[in-house]
Amino acid sequence: MVMRTAPIALVLLLAACSSSAPPTTYSRPTPTQAVAASQNAVDTPEWLRQRDYRDGGPLPPMEANRKVNEQTCTEGIALEAGNLKCK
């Protein structure tokens, strides 16, 4: 029984593997190409294109008159006392 179905299975397998479409019909883009294509496809506002501290851009300056609360952080933290600086 197995010997009778083996040639049929082989023919079906070869038919499934062969394709009438040329091999260059679909090519998968590289990650760089995919990112470039997605960035070019979307109209990104100008303020989103500028680099900031999240992606390695310049850090904004600190306010000179900001309120800083320096305390030991192992104890309870007073959130309303200003920016926290741990000792």
PDB file of N, CA and C in Angstrom:
ATOM      1  N   MET A   1       0.823  -1.192   0.000  1.00  0.00           N
ATOM      2  CA  MET A   1       0.000   0.000   0.000  1.00  0.00           C
ATOM      3  C   MET A   1       0.867   1.257   0.000  1.00  0.00           C
ATOM      4  N   VAL A   2       1.900   1.271   0.845  1.00  0.00           N
ATOM      5  CA  VAL A   2       2.782   2.432   0.919  1.00  0.00           C
ATOM      6  C   VAL A   2       3.526   2.596  -0.398  1.00  0.00           C
ATOM      7  N   MET A   3       3.918   1.495  -0.998  1.00  0.00           N
ATOM      8  CA  MET A   3       4.666   1.571  -2.255  1.00  0.00           C
ATOM      9  C   MET A   3       3.804   2.111  -3.396  1.00  0.00           C
ATOM     10  N   ARG A   4       2.500   1.923  -3.339  1.00  0.00           N
ATOM     11  CA  ARG A   4       1.618   2.426  -4.378  1.00  0.00           C
ATOM     12  C   ARG A   4       1.379   3.933  -4.225  1.00  0.00           C
ATOM     13  N   THR A   5       1.301   4.406  -2.976  1.00  0.00           N
ATOM     14  CA  THR A   5       0.991   5.823  -2.750  1.00  0.00           C
ATOM     15  C   THR A   5       2.234   6.708  -2.750  1.00  0.00           C
ATOM     16  N   ALA A   6       3.412   6.124  -2.612  1.00  0.00           N
ATOM     17  CA  ALA A   6       4.647   6.918  -2.572  1.00  0.00           C
ATOM     18  C   ALA A   6       4.876   7.704  -3.860  1.00  0.00           C
ATOM     19  N   PRO A   7       4.745   7.101  -5.054  1.00  0.00           N
ATOM     20  CA  PRO A   7       4.948   7.905  -6.279  1.00  0.00           C
ATOM     21  C   PRO A   7       3.907   9.021  -6.434  1.00  0.00           C
ATOM     22  N   ILE A   8       2.689   8.751  -6.016  1.00  0.00           N
ATOM     23  CA  ILE A   8       1.652   9.780  -6.122  1.00  0.00           C
ATOM     24  C   ILE A   8       1.972  10.934  -5.170  1.00  0.00           C
ATOM     25  N   ALA A   9       2.399  10.597  -3.958  1.00  0.00           N
ATOM     26  CA  ALA A   9       2.756  11.638  -2.987  1.00  0.00           C
ATOM     27  C   ALA A   9       3.956  12.433  -3.482  1.00  0.00           C
ATOM     28  N   LEU A  10       4.915  11.767  -4.114  1.00  0.00           N
ATOM     29  CA  LEU A  10       6.092  12.458  -4.647  1.00  0.00           C
ATOM     30  C   LEU A  10       5.710  13.419  -5.761  1.00  0.00           C
ATOM     31  N   VAL A  11       4.819  13.003  -6.641  1.00  0.00           N
ATOM     32  CA  VAL A  11       4.366  13.876  -7.730  1.00  0.00           C
ATOM     33  C   VAL A  11       3.612  15.078  -7.166  1.00  0.00           C
ATOM     34  N   LEU A  12       2.766  14.870  -6.177  1.00  0.00           N
ATOM     35  CA  LEU A  12       2.026  15.976  -5.569  1.00  0.00           C
ATOM     36  C   LEU A  12       2.964  16.936  -4.849  1.00  0.00           C
ATOM     37  N   LEU A  13       3.972  16.400  -4.192  1.00  0.00           N
ATOM     38  CA  LEU A  13       4.943  17.242  -3.502  1.00  0.00           C
ATOM     39  C   LEU A  13       5.740  18.079  -4.489  1.00  0.00           C
ATOM     40  N   LEU A  14       6.164  17.490  -5.587  1.00  0.00           N
ATOM     41  CA  LEU A  14       6.910  18.239  -6.598  1.00  0.00           C
ATOM     42  C   LEU A  14       6.029  19.293  -7.262  1.00  0.00           C
ATOM     43  N   ALA A  15       4.754  18.994  -7.457  1.00  0.00           N
ATOM     44  CA  ALA A  15       3.845  19.965  -8.052  1.00  0.00           C
ATOM     45  C   ALA A  15       3.608  21.140  -7.104  1.00  0.00           C
ATOM     46  N   ALA A  16       3.569  20.866  -5.815  1.00  0.00           N
ATOM     47  CA  ALA A  16       3.360  21.936  -4.848  1.00  0.00           C
ATOM     48  C   ALA A  16       4.584  22.823  -4.731  1.00  0.00           C
ATOM     49  N   CYS A  17       5.767  22.245  -4.900  1.00  0.00           N
ATOM     50  CA  CYS A  17       6.996  23.027  -4.777  1.00  0.00           C
ATOM     51  C   CYS A  17       7.270  23.882  -5.998  1.00  0.00           C
ATOM     52  N   SER A  18       6.833  23.433  -7.149  1.00  0.00           N
ATOM     53  CA  SER A  18       7.080  24.229  -8.357  1.00  0.00           C
ATOM     54  C   SER A  18       6.045  25.330  -8.448  1.00  0.00           C
ATOM     55  N   SER A  19       6.454  26.430  -9.022  1.00  0.00           N
ATOM     56  CA  SER A  19       5.554  27.570  -9.127  1.00  0.00           C
ATOM     57  C   SER A  19       5.682  28.165 -10.515  1.00  0.00           C
ATOM     58  N   SER A  20       4.574  28.660 -11.035  1.00  0.00           N
ATOM     59  CA  SER A  20       4.621  29.275 -12.352  1.00  0.00           C
ATOM     60  C   SER A  20       5.046  30.740 -12.272  1.00  0.00           C
ATOM     61  N   ALA A  21       5.014  31.321 -11.076  1.00  0.00           N
ATOM     62  CA  ALA A  21       5.412  32.718 -10.910  1.00  0.00           C
ATOM     63  C   ALA A  21       6.932  32.822 -10.880  1.00  0.00           C
ATOM     64  N   PRO A  22       7.481  33.884 -11.431  1.00  0.00           N
ATOM     65  CA  PRO A  22       8.939  34.046 -11.371  1.00  0.00           C
ATOM     66  C   PRO A  22       9.392  34.250  -9.923  1.00  0.00           C
ATOM     67  N   PRO A  23      10.612  33.865  -9.606  1.00  0.00           N
ATOM     68  CA  PRO A  23      11.068  33.951  -8.222  1.00  0.00           C
ATOM     69  C   PRO A  23      11.238  35.382  -7.708  1.00  0.00           C
ATOM     70  N   THR A  24      11.251  36.390  -8.575  1.00  0.00           N
ATOM     71  CA  THR A  24      11.440  37.762  -8.140  1.00  0.00           C
ATOM     72  C   THR A  24      10.121  38.512  -7.929  1.00  0.00           C
ATOM     73  N   THR A  25       8.991  37.805  -7.993  1.00  0.00           N
ATOM     74  CA  THR A  25       7.703  38.455  -7.810  1.00  0.00           C
ATOM     75  C   THR A  25       7.587  39.049  -6.411  1.00  0.00           C
ATOM     76  N   TYR A  26       8.053  38.346  -5.416  1.00  0.00           N
ATOM     77  CA  TYR A  26       7.972  38.831  -4.040  1.00  0.00           C
ATOM     78  C   TYR A  26       9.359  38.758  -3.426  1.00  0.00           C
ATOM     79  N   SER A  27       9.799  39.876  -2.931  1.00  0.00           N
ATOM     80  CA  SER A  27      11.051  39.873  -2.176  1.00  0.00           C
ATOM     81  C   SER A  27      10.800  40.589  -0.865  1.00  0.00           C
ATOM     82  N   ARG A  28      11.286  40.020   0.187  1.00  0.00           N
ATOM     83  CA  ARG A  28      11.065  40.576   1.515  1.00  0.00           C
ATOM     84  C   ARG A  28      12.022  41.741   1.743  1.00  0.00           C
ATOM     85  N   PRO A  29      11.524  42.909   2.188  1.00  0.00           N
ATOM     86  CA  PRO A  29      12.425  44.052   2.419  1.00  0.00           C
ATOM     87  C   PRO A  29      13.277  43.837   3.661  1.00  0.00           C
ATOM     88  N   THR A  30      14.442  44.431   3.638  1.00  0.00           N
ATOM     89  CA  THR A  30      15.292  44.397   4.821  1.00  0.00           C
ATOM     90  C   THR A  30      14.675  45.305   5.882  1.00  0.00           C
ATOM     91  N   PRO A  31      15.066  45.170   7.146  1.00  0.00           N
ATOM     92  CA  PRO A  31      14.506  46.061   8.172  1.00  0.00           C
ATOM     93  C   PRO A  31      14.743  47.538   7.870  1.00  0.00           C
ATOM     94  N   THR A  32      15.904  47.879   7.319  1.00  0.00           N
ATOM     95  CA  THR A  32      16.186  49.276   6.980  1.00  0.00           C
ATOM     96  C   THR A  32      15.242  49.776   5.900  1.00  0.00           C
ATOM     97  N   GLN A  33      14.996  48.940   4.889  1.00  0.00           N
ATOM     98  CA  GLN A  33      14.071  49.327   3.822  1.00  0.00           C
ATOM     99  C   GLN A  33      12.654  49.464   4.351  1.00  0.00           C
ATOM    100  N   ALA A  34      12.257  48.589   5.261  1.00  0.00           N
ATOM    101  CA  ALA A  34      10.902  48.653   5.808  1.00  0.00           C
ATOM    102  C   ALA A  34      10.699  49.920   6.632  1.00  0.00           C
ATOM    103  N   VAL A  35      11.690  50.285   7.431  1.00  0.00           N
ATOM    104  CA  VAL A  35      11.588  51.505   8.236  1.00  0.00           C
ATOM    105  C   VAL A  35      11.545  52.731   7.337  1.00  0.00           C
ATOM    106  N   ALA A  36      12.407  52.766   6.324  1.00  0.00           N
ATOM    107  CA  ALA A  36      12.425  53.908   5.403  1.00  0.00           C
ATOM    108  C   ALA A  36      11.091  54.024   4.663  1.00  0.00           C
ATOM    109  N   ALA A  37      10.536  52.906   4.251  1.00  0.00           N
ATOM    110  CA  ALA A  37       9.256  52.943   3.543  1.00  0.00           C
ATOM    111  C   ALA A  37       8.135  53.432   4.447  1.00  0.00           C
ATOM    112  N   SER A  38       8.140  53.010   5.715  1.00  0.00           N
ATOM    113  CA  SER A  38       7.075  53.443   6.616  1.00  0.00           C
ATOM    114  C   SER A  38       7.223  54.919   6.965  1.00  0.00           C
ATOM    115  N   GLN A  39       8.453  55.412   7.076  1.00  0.00           N
ATOM    116  CA  GLN A  39       8.658  56.830   7.378  1.00  0.00           C
ATOM    117  C   GLN A  39       8.282  57.701   6.192  1.00  0.00           C
ATOM    118  N   ASN A  40       8.515  57.220   4.988  1.00  0.00           N
ATOM    119  CA  ASN A  40       8.173  57.994   3.800  1.00  0.00           C
ATOM    120  C   ASN A  40       6.671  57.962   3.530  1.00  0.00           C
ATOM    121  N   ALA A  41       5.986  56.939   3.997  1.00  0.00           N
ATOM    122  CA  ALA A  41       4.559  56.801   3.718  1.00  0.00           C
ATOM    123  C   ALA A  41       3.704  57.686   4.620  1.00  0.00           C
ATOM    124  N   VAL A  42       4.218  58.053   5.772  1.00  0.00           N
ATOM    125  CA  VAL A  42       3.443  58.833   6.738  1.00  0.00           C
ATOM    126  C   VAL A  42       3.923  60.278   6.724  1.00  0.00           C
ATOM    127  N   ASP A  43       2.990  61.206   6.713  1.00  0.00           N
ATOM    128  CA  ASP A  43       3.344  62.614   6.772  1.00  0.00           C
ATOM    129  C   ASP A  43       3.518  63.000   8.239  1.00  0.00           C
ATOM    130  N   THR A  44       4.754  62.914   8.724  1.00  0.00           N
ATOM    131  CA  THR A  44       5.060  63.197  10.120  1.00  0.00           C
ATOM    132  C   THR A  44       5.182  64.695  10.324  1.00  0.00           C
ATOM    133  N   PRO A  45       4.552  65.230  11.365  1.00  0.00           N
ATOM    134  CA  PRO A  45       4.674  66.662  11.636  1.00  0.00           C
ATOM    135  C   PRO A  45       6.124  67.043  11.944  1.00  0.00           C
ATOM    136  N   GLU A  46       6.459  68.283  11.673  1.00  0.00           N
ATOM    137  CA  GLU A  46       7.838  68.757  11.848  1.00  0.00           C
ATOM    138  C   GLU A  46       8.300  68.621  13.297  1.00  0.00           C
ATOM    139  N   TRP A  47       7.431  68.864  14.254  1.00  0.00           N
ATOM    140  CA  TRP A  47       7.856  68.813  15.648  1.00  0.00           C
ATOM    141  C   TRP A  47       8.191  67.399  16.091  1.00  0.00           C
ATOM    142  N   LEU A  48       7.678  66.378  15.398  1.00  0.00           N
ATOM    143  CA  LEU A  48       8.041  65.004  15.723  1.00  0.00           C
ATOM    144  C   LEU A  48       9.346  64.570  15.062  1.00  0.00           C
ATOM    145  N   ARG A  49       9.789  65.286  14.043  1.00  0.00           N
ATOM    146  CA  ARG A  49      11.029  64.921  13.350  1.00  0.00           C
ATOM    147  C   ARG A  49      12.266  65.441  14.058  1.00  0.00           C
ATOM    148  N   GLN A  50      12.112  66.407  14.947  1.00  0.00           N
ATOM    149  CA  GLN A  50      13.275  66.970  15.631  1.00  0.00           C
ATOM    150  C   GLN A  50      13.719  66.039  16.744  1.00  0.00           C
ATOM    151  N   ARG A  51      15.012  65.884  16.858  1.00  0.00           N
ATOM    152  CA  ARG A  51      15.574  65.000  17.874  1.00  0.00           C
ATOM    153  C   ARG A  51      15.414  65.617  19.254  1.00  0.00           C
ATOM    154  N   ASP A  52      15.156  64.794  20.228  1.00  0.00           N
ATOM    155  CA  ASP A  52      15.102  65.260  21.602  1.00  0.00           C
ATOM    156  C   ASP A  52      15.864  64.280  22.486  1.00  0.00           C
ATOM    157  N   TYR A  53      15.795  64.478  23.773  1.00  0.00           N
ATOM    158  CA  TYR A  53      16.610  63.692  24.700  1.00  0.00           C
ATOM    159  C   TYR A  53      16.264  62.208  24.678  1.00  0.00           C
ATOM    160  N   ARG A  54      15.066  61.835  24.238  1.00  0.00           N
ATOM    161  CA  ARG A  54      14.686  60.424  24.220  1.00  0.00           C
ATOM    162  C   ARG A  54      15.488  59.617  23.214  1.00  0.00           C
ATOM    163  N   ASP A  55      15.908  60.231  22.118  1.00  0.00           N
ATOM    164  CA  ASP A  55      16.691  59.491  21.118  1.00  0.00           C
ATOM    165  C   ASP A  55      18.104  60.044  20.978  1.00  0.00           C
ATOM    166  N   GLY A  56      18.649  60.619  22.028  1.00  0.00           N
ATOM    167  CA  GLY A  56      20.046  61.045  22.022  1.00  0.00           C
ATOM    168  C   GLY A  56      20.272  62.483  21.633  1.00  0.00           C
ATOM    169  N   GLY A  57      19.225  63.263  21.507  1.00  0.00           N
ATOM    170  CA  GLY A  57      19.365  64.678  21.173  1.00  0.00           C
ATOM    171  C   GLY A  57      19.785  65.482  22.393  1.00  0.00           C
ATOM    172  N   PRO A  58      19.848  66.804  22.266  1.00  0.00           N
ATOM    173  CA  PRO A  58      20.298  67.638  23.389  1.00  0.00           C
ATOM    174  C   PRO A  58      19.270  67.646  24.525  1.00  0.00           C
ATOM    175  N   LEU A  59      19.781  67.708  25.734  1.00  0.00           N
ATOM    176  CA  LEU A  59      18.915  67.790  26.912  1.00  0.00           C
ATOM    177  C   LEU A  59      18.464  69.230  27.131  1.00  0.00           C
ATOM    178  N   PRO A  60      17.228  69.434  27.516  1.00  0.00           N
ATOM    179  CA  PRO A  60      16.780  70.795  27.796  1.00  0.00           C
ATOM    180  C   PRO A  60      17.431  71.301  29.080  1.00  0.00           C
ATOM    181  N   PRO A  61      17.666  72.599  29.200  1.00  0.00           N
ATOM    182  CA  PRO A  61      18.280  73.125  30.420  1.00  0.00           C
ATOM    183  C   PRO A  61      17.299  73.059  31.591  1.00  0.00           C
ATOM    184  N   MET A  62      17.859  72.925  32.782  1.00  0.00           N
ATOM    185  CA  MET A  62      17.038  72.904  33.989  1.00  0.00           C
ATOM    186  C   MET A  62      16.593  74.321  34.331  1.00  0.00           C
ATOM    187  N   GLU A  63      15.447  74.439  34.949  1.00  0.00           N
ATOM    188  CA  GLU A  63      14.986  75.740  35.408  1.00  0.00           C
ATOM    189  C   GLU A  63      15.805  76.147  36.628  1.00  0.00           C
ATOM    190  N   ALA A  64      16.263  77.373  36.659  1.00  0.00           N
ATOM    191  CA  ALA A  64      17.112  77.839  37.755  1.00  0.00           C
ATOM    192  C   ALA A  64      16.346  77.947  39.074  1.00  0.00           C
ATOM    193  N   ASN A  65      15.060  78.246  39.007  1.00  0.00           N
ATOM    194  CA  ASN A  65      14.293  78.462  40.231  1.00  0.00           C
ATOM    195  C   ASN A  65      13.390  77.278  40.580  1.00  0.00           C
ATOM    196  N   ARG A  66      13.693  76.087  40.087  1.00  0.00           N
ATOM    197  CA  ARG A  66      12.839  74.939  40.382  1.00  0.00           C
ATOM    198  C   ARG A  66      13.002  74.515  41.839  1.00  0.00           C
ATOM    199  N   LYS A  67      11.974  73.946  42.385  1.00  0.00           N
ATOM    200  CA  LYS A  67      11.963  73.514  43.774  1.00  0.00           C
ATOM    201  C   LYS A  67      12.493  72.079  43.846  1.00  0.00           C
ATOM    202  N   VAL A  68      13.538  71.844  44.642  1.00  0.00           N
ATOM    203  CA  VAL A  68      14.147  70.525  44.775  1.00  0.00           C
ATOM    204  C   VAL A  68      14.038  70.076  46.218  1.00  0.00           C
ATOM    205  N   ASN A  69      13.553  68.885  46.420  1.00  0.00           N
ATOM    206  CA  ASN A  69      13.412  68.290  47.747  1.00  0.00           C
ATOM    207  C   ASN A  69      14.474  67.215  47.885  1.00  0.00           C
ATOM    208  N   GLU A  70      15.479  67.441  48.718  1.00  0.00           N
ATOM    209  CA  GLU A  70      16.525  66.454  48.943  1.00  0.00           C
ATOM    210  C   GLU A  70      16.220  65.719  50.231  1.00  0.00           C
ATOM    211  N   GLN A  71      16.039  64.414  50.131  1.00  0.00           N
ATOM    212  CA  GLN A  71      15.698  63.620  51.303  1.00  0.00           C
ATOM    213  C   GLN A  71      16.186  62.195  51.127  1.00  0.00           C
ATOM    214  N   THR A  72      16.167  61.432  52.203  1.00  0.00           N
ATOM    215  CA  THR A  72      16.530  60.021  52.154  1.00  0.00           C
ATOM    216  C   THR A  72      15.379  59.252  51.522  1.00  0.00           C
ATOM    217  N   CYS A  73      15.682  58.506  50.503  1.00  0.00           N
ATOM    218  CA  CYS A  73      14.618  57.841  49.750  1.00  0.00           C
ATOM    219  C   CYS A  73      14.207  56.499  50.337  1.00  0.00           C
ATOM    220  N   THR A  74      14.855  56.079  51.431  1.00  0.00           N
ATOM    221  CA  THR A  74      14.441  54.837  52.081  1.00  0.00           C
ATOM    222  C   THR A  74      13.225  55.055  52.961  1.00  0.00           C
ATOM    223  N   GLU A  75      12.905  56.310  53.237  1.00  0.00           N
ATOM    224  CA  GLU A  75      11.736  56.649  54.051  1.00  0.00           C
ATOM    225  C   GLU A  75      10.593  57.059  53.132  1.00  0.00           C
ATOM    226  N   GLY A  76       9.514  57.539  53.716  1.00  0.00           N
ATOM    227  CA  GLY A  76       8.394  58.005  52.919  1.00  0.00           C
ATOM    228  C   GLY A  76       8.767  59.238  52.107  1.00  0.00           C
ATOM    229  N   ILE A  77       8.212  59.360  50.937  1.00  0.00           N
ATOM    230  CA  ILE A  77       8.561  60.451  50.029  1.00  0.00           C
ATOM    231  C   ILE A  77       7.429  61.465  50.004  1.00  0.00           C
ATOM    232  N   ALA A  78       7.782  62.728  50.184  1.00  0.00           N
ATOM    233  CA  ALA A  78       6.792  63.810  50.111  1.00  0.00           C
ATOM    234  C   ALA A  78       6.718  64.278  48.664  1.00  0.00           C
ATOM    235  N   LEU A  79       5.705  63.858  47.941  1.00  0.00           N
ATOM    236  CA  LEU A  79       5.597  64.162  46.516  1.00  0.00           C
ATOM    237  C   LEU A  79       5.288  65.623  46.240  1.00  0.00           C
ATOM    238  N   GLU A  80       4.619  66.298  47.162  1.00  0.00           N
ATOM    239  CA  GLU A  80       4.245  67.687  46.942  1.00  0.00           C
ATOM    240  C   GLU A  80       5.371  68.655  47.264  1.00  0.00           C
ATOM    241  N   ALA A  81       6.528  68.171  47.737  1.00  0.00           N
ATOM    242  CA  ALA A  81       7.613  69.035  48.167  1.00  0.00           C
ATOM    243  C   ALA A  81       8.503  69.498  47.027  1.00  0.00           C
ATOM    244  N   GLY A  82       8.288  69.064  45.793  1.00  0.00           N
ATOM    245  CA  GLY A  82       9.105  69.490  44.649  1.00  0.00           C
ATOM    246  C   GLY A  82       9.802  68.308  43.998  1.00  0.00           C
ATOM    247  N   ASN A  83      10.741  68.587  43.115  1.00  0.00           N
ATOM    248  CA  ASN A  83      11.500  67.529  42.462  1.00  0.00           C
ATOM    249  C   ASN A  83      12.305  66.768  43.510  1.00  0.00           C
ATOM    250  N   LEU A  84      12.378  65.469  43.378  1.00  0.00           N
ATOM    251  CA  LEU A  84      13.032  64.649  44.389  1.00  0.00           C
ATOM    252  C   LEU A  84      14.493  64.407  44.039  1.00  0.00           C
ATOM    253  N   LYS A  85      15.361  64.599  45.024  1.00  0.00           N
ATOM    254  CA  LYS A  85      16.779  64.269  44.901  1.00  0.00           C
ATOM    255  C   LYS A  85      17.111  63.396  46.103  1.00  0.00           C
ATOM    256  N   CYS A  86      17.456  62.142  45.844  1.00  0.00           N
ATOM    257  CA  CYS A  86      17.742  61.205  46.927  1.00  0.00           C
ATOM    258  C   CYS A  86      19.153  61.395  47.450  1.00  0.00           C
ATOM    259  N   LYS A  87      19.319  61.165  48.754  1.00  0.00           N
ATOM    260  CA  LYS A  87      20.639  61.227  49.384  1.00  0.00           C
ATOM    261  C   LYS A  87      21.297  59.875  49.303  1.00  0.00           C
TER     262      LYS A  87
END
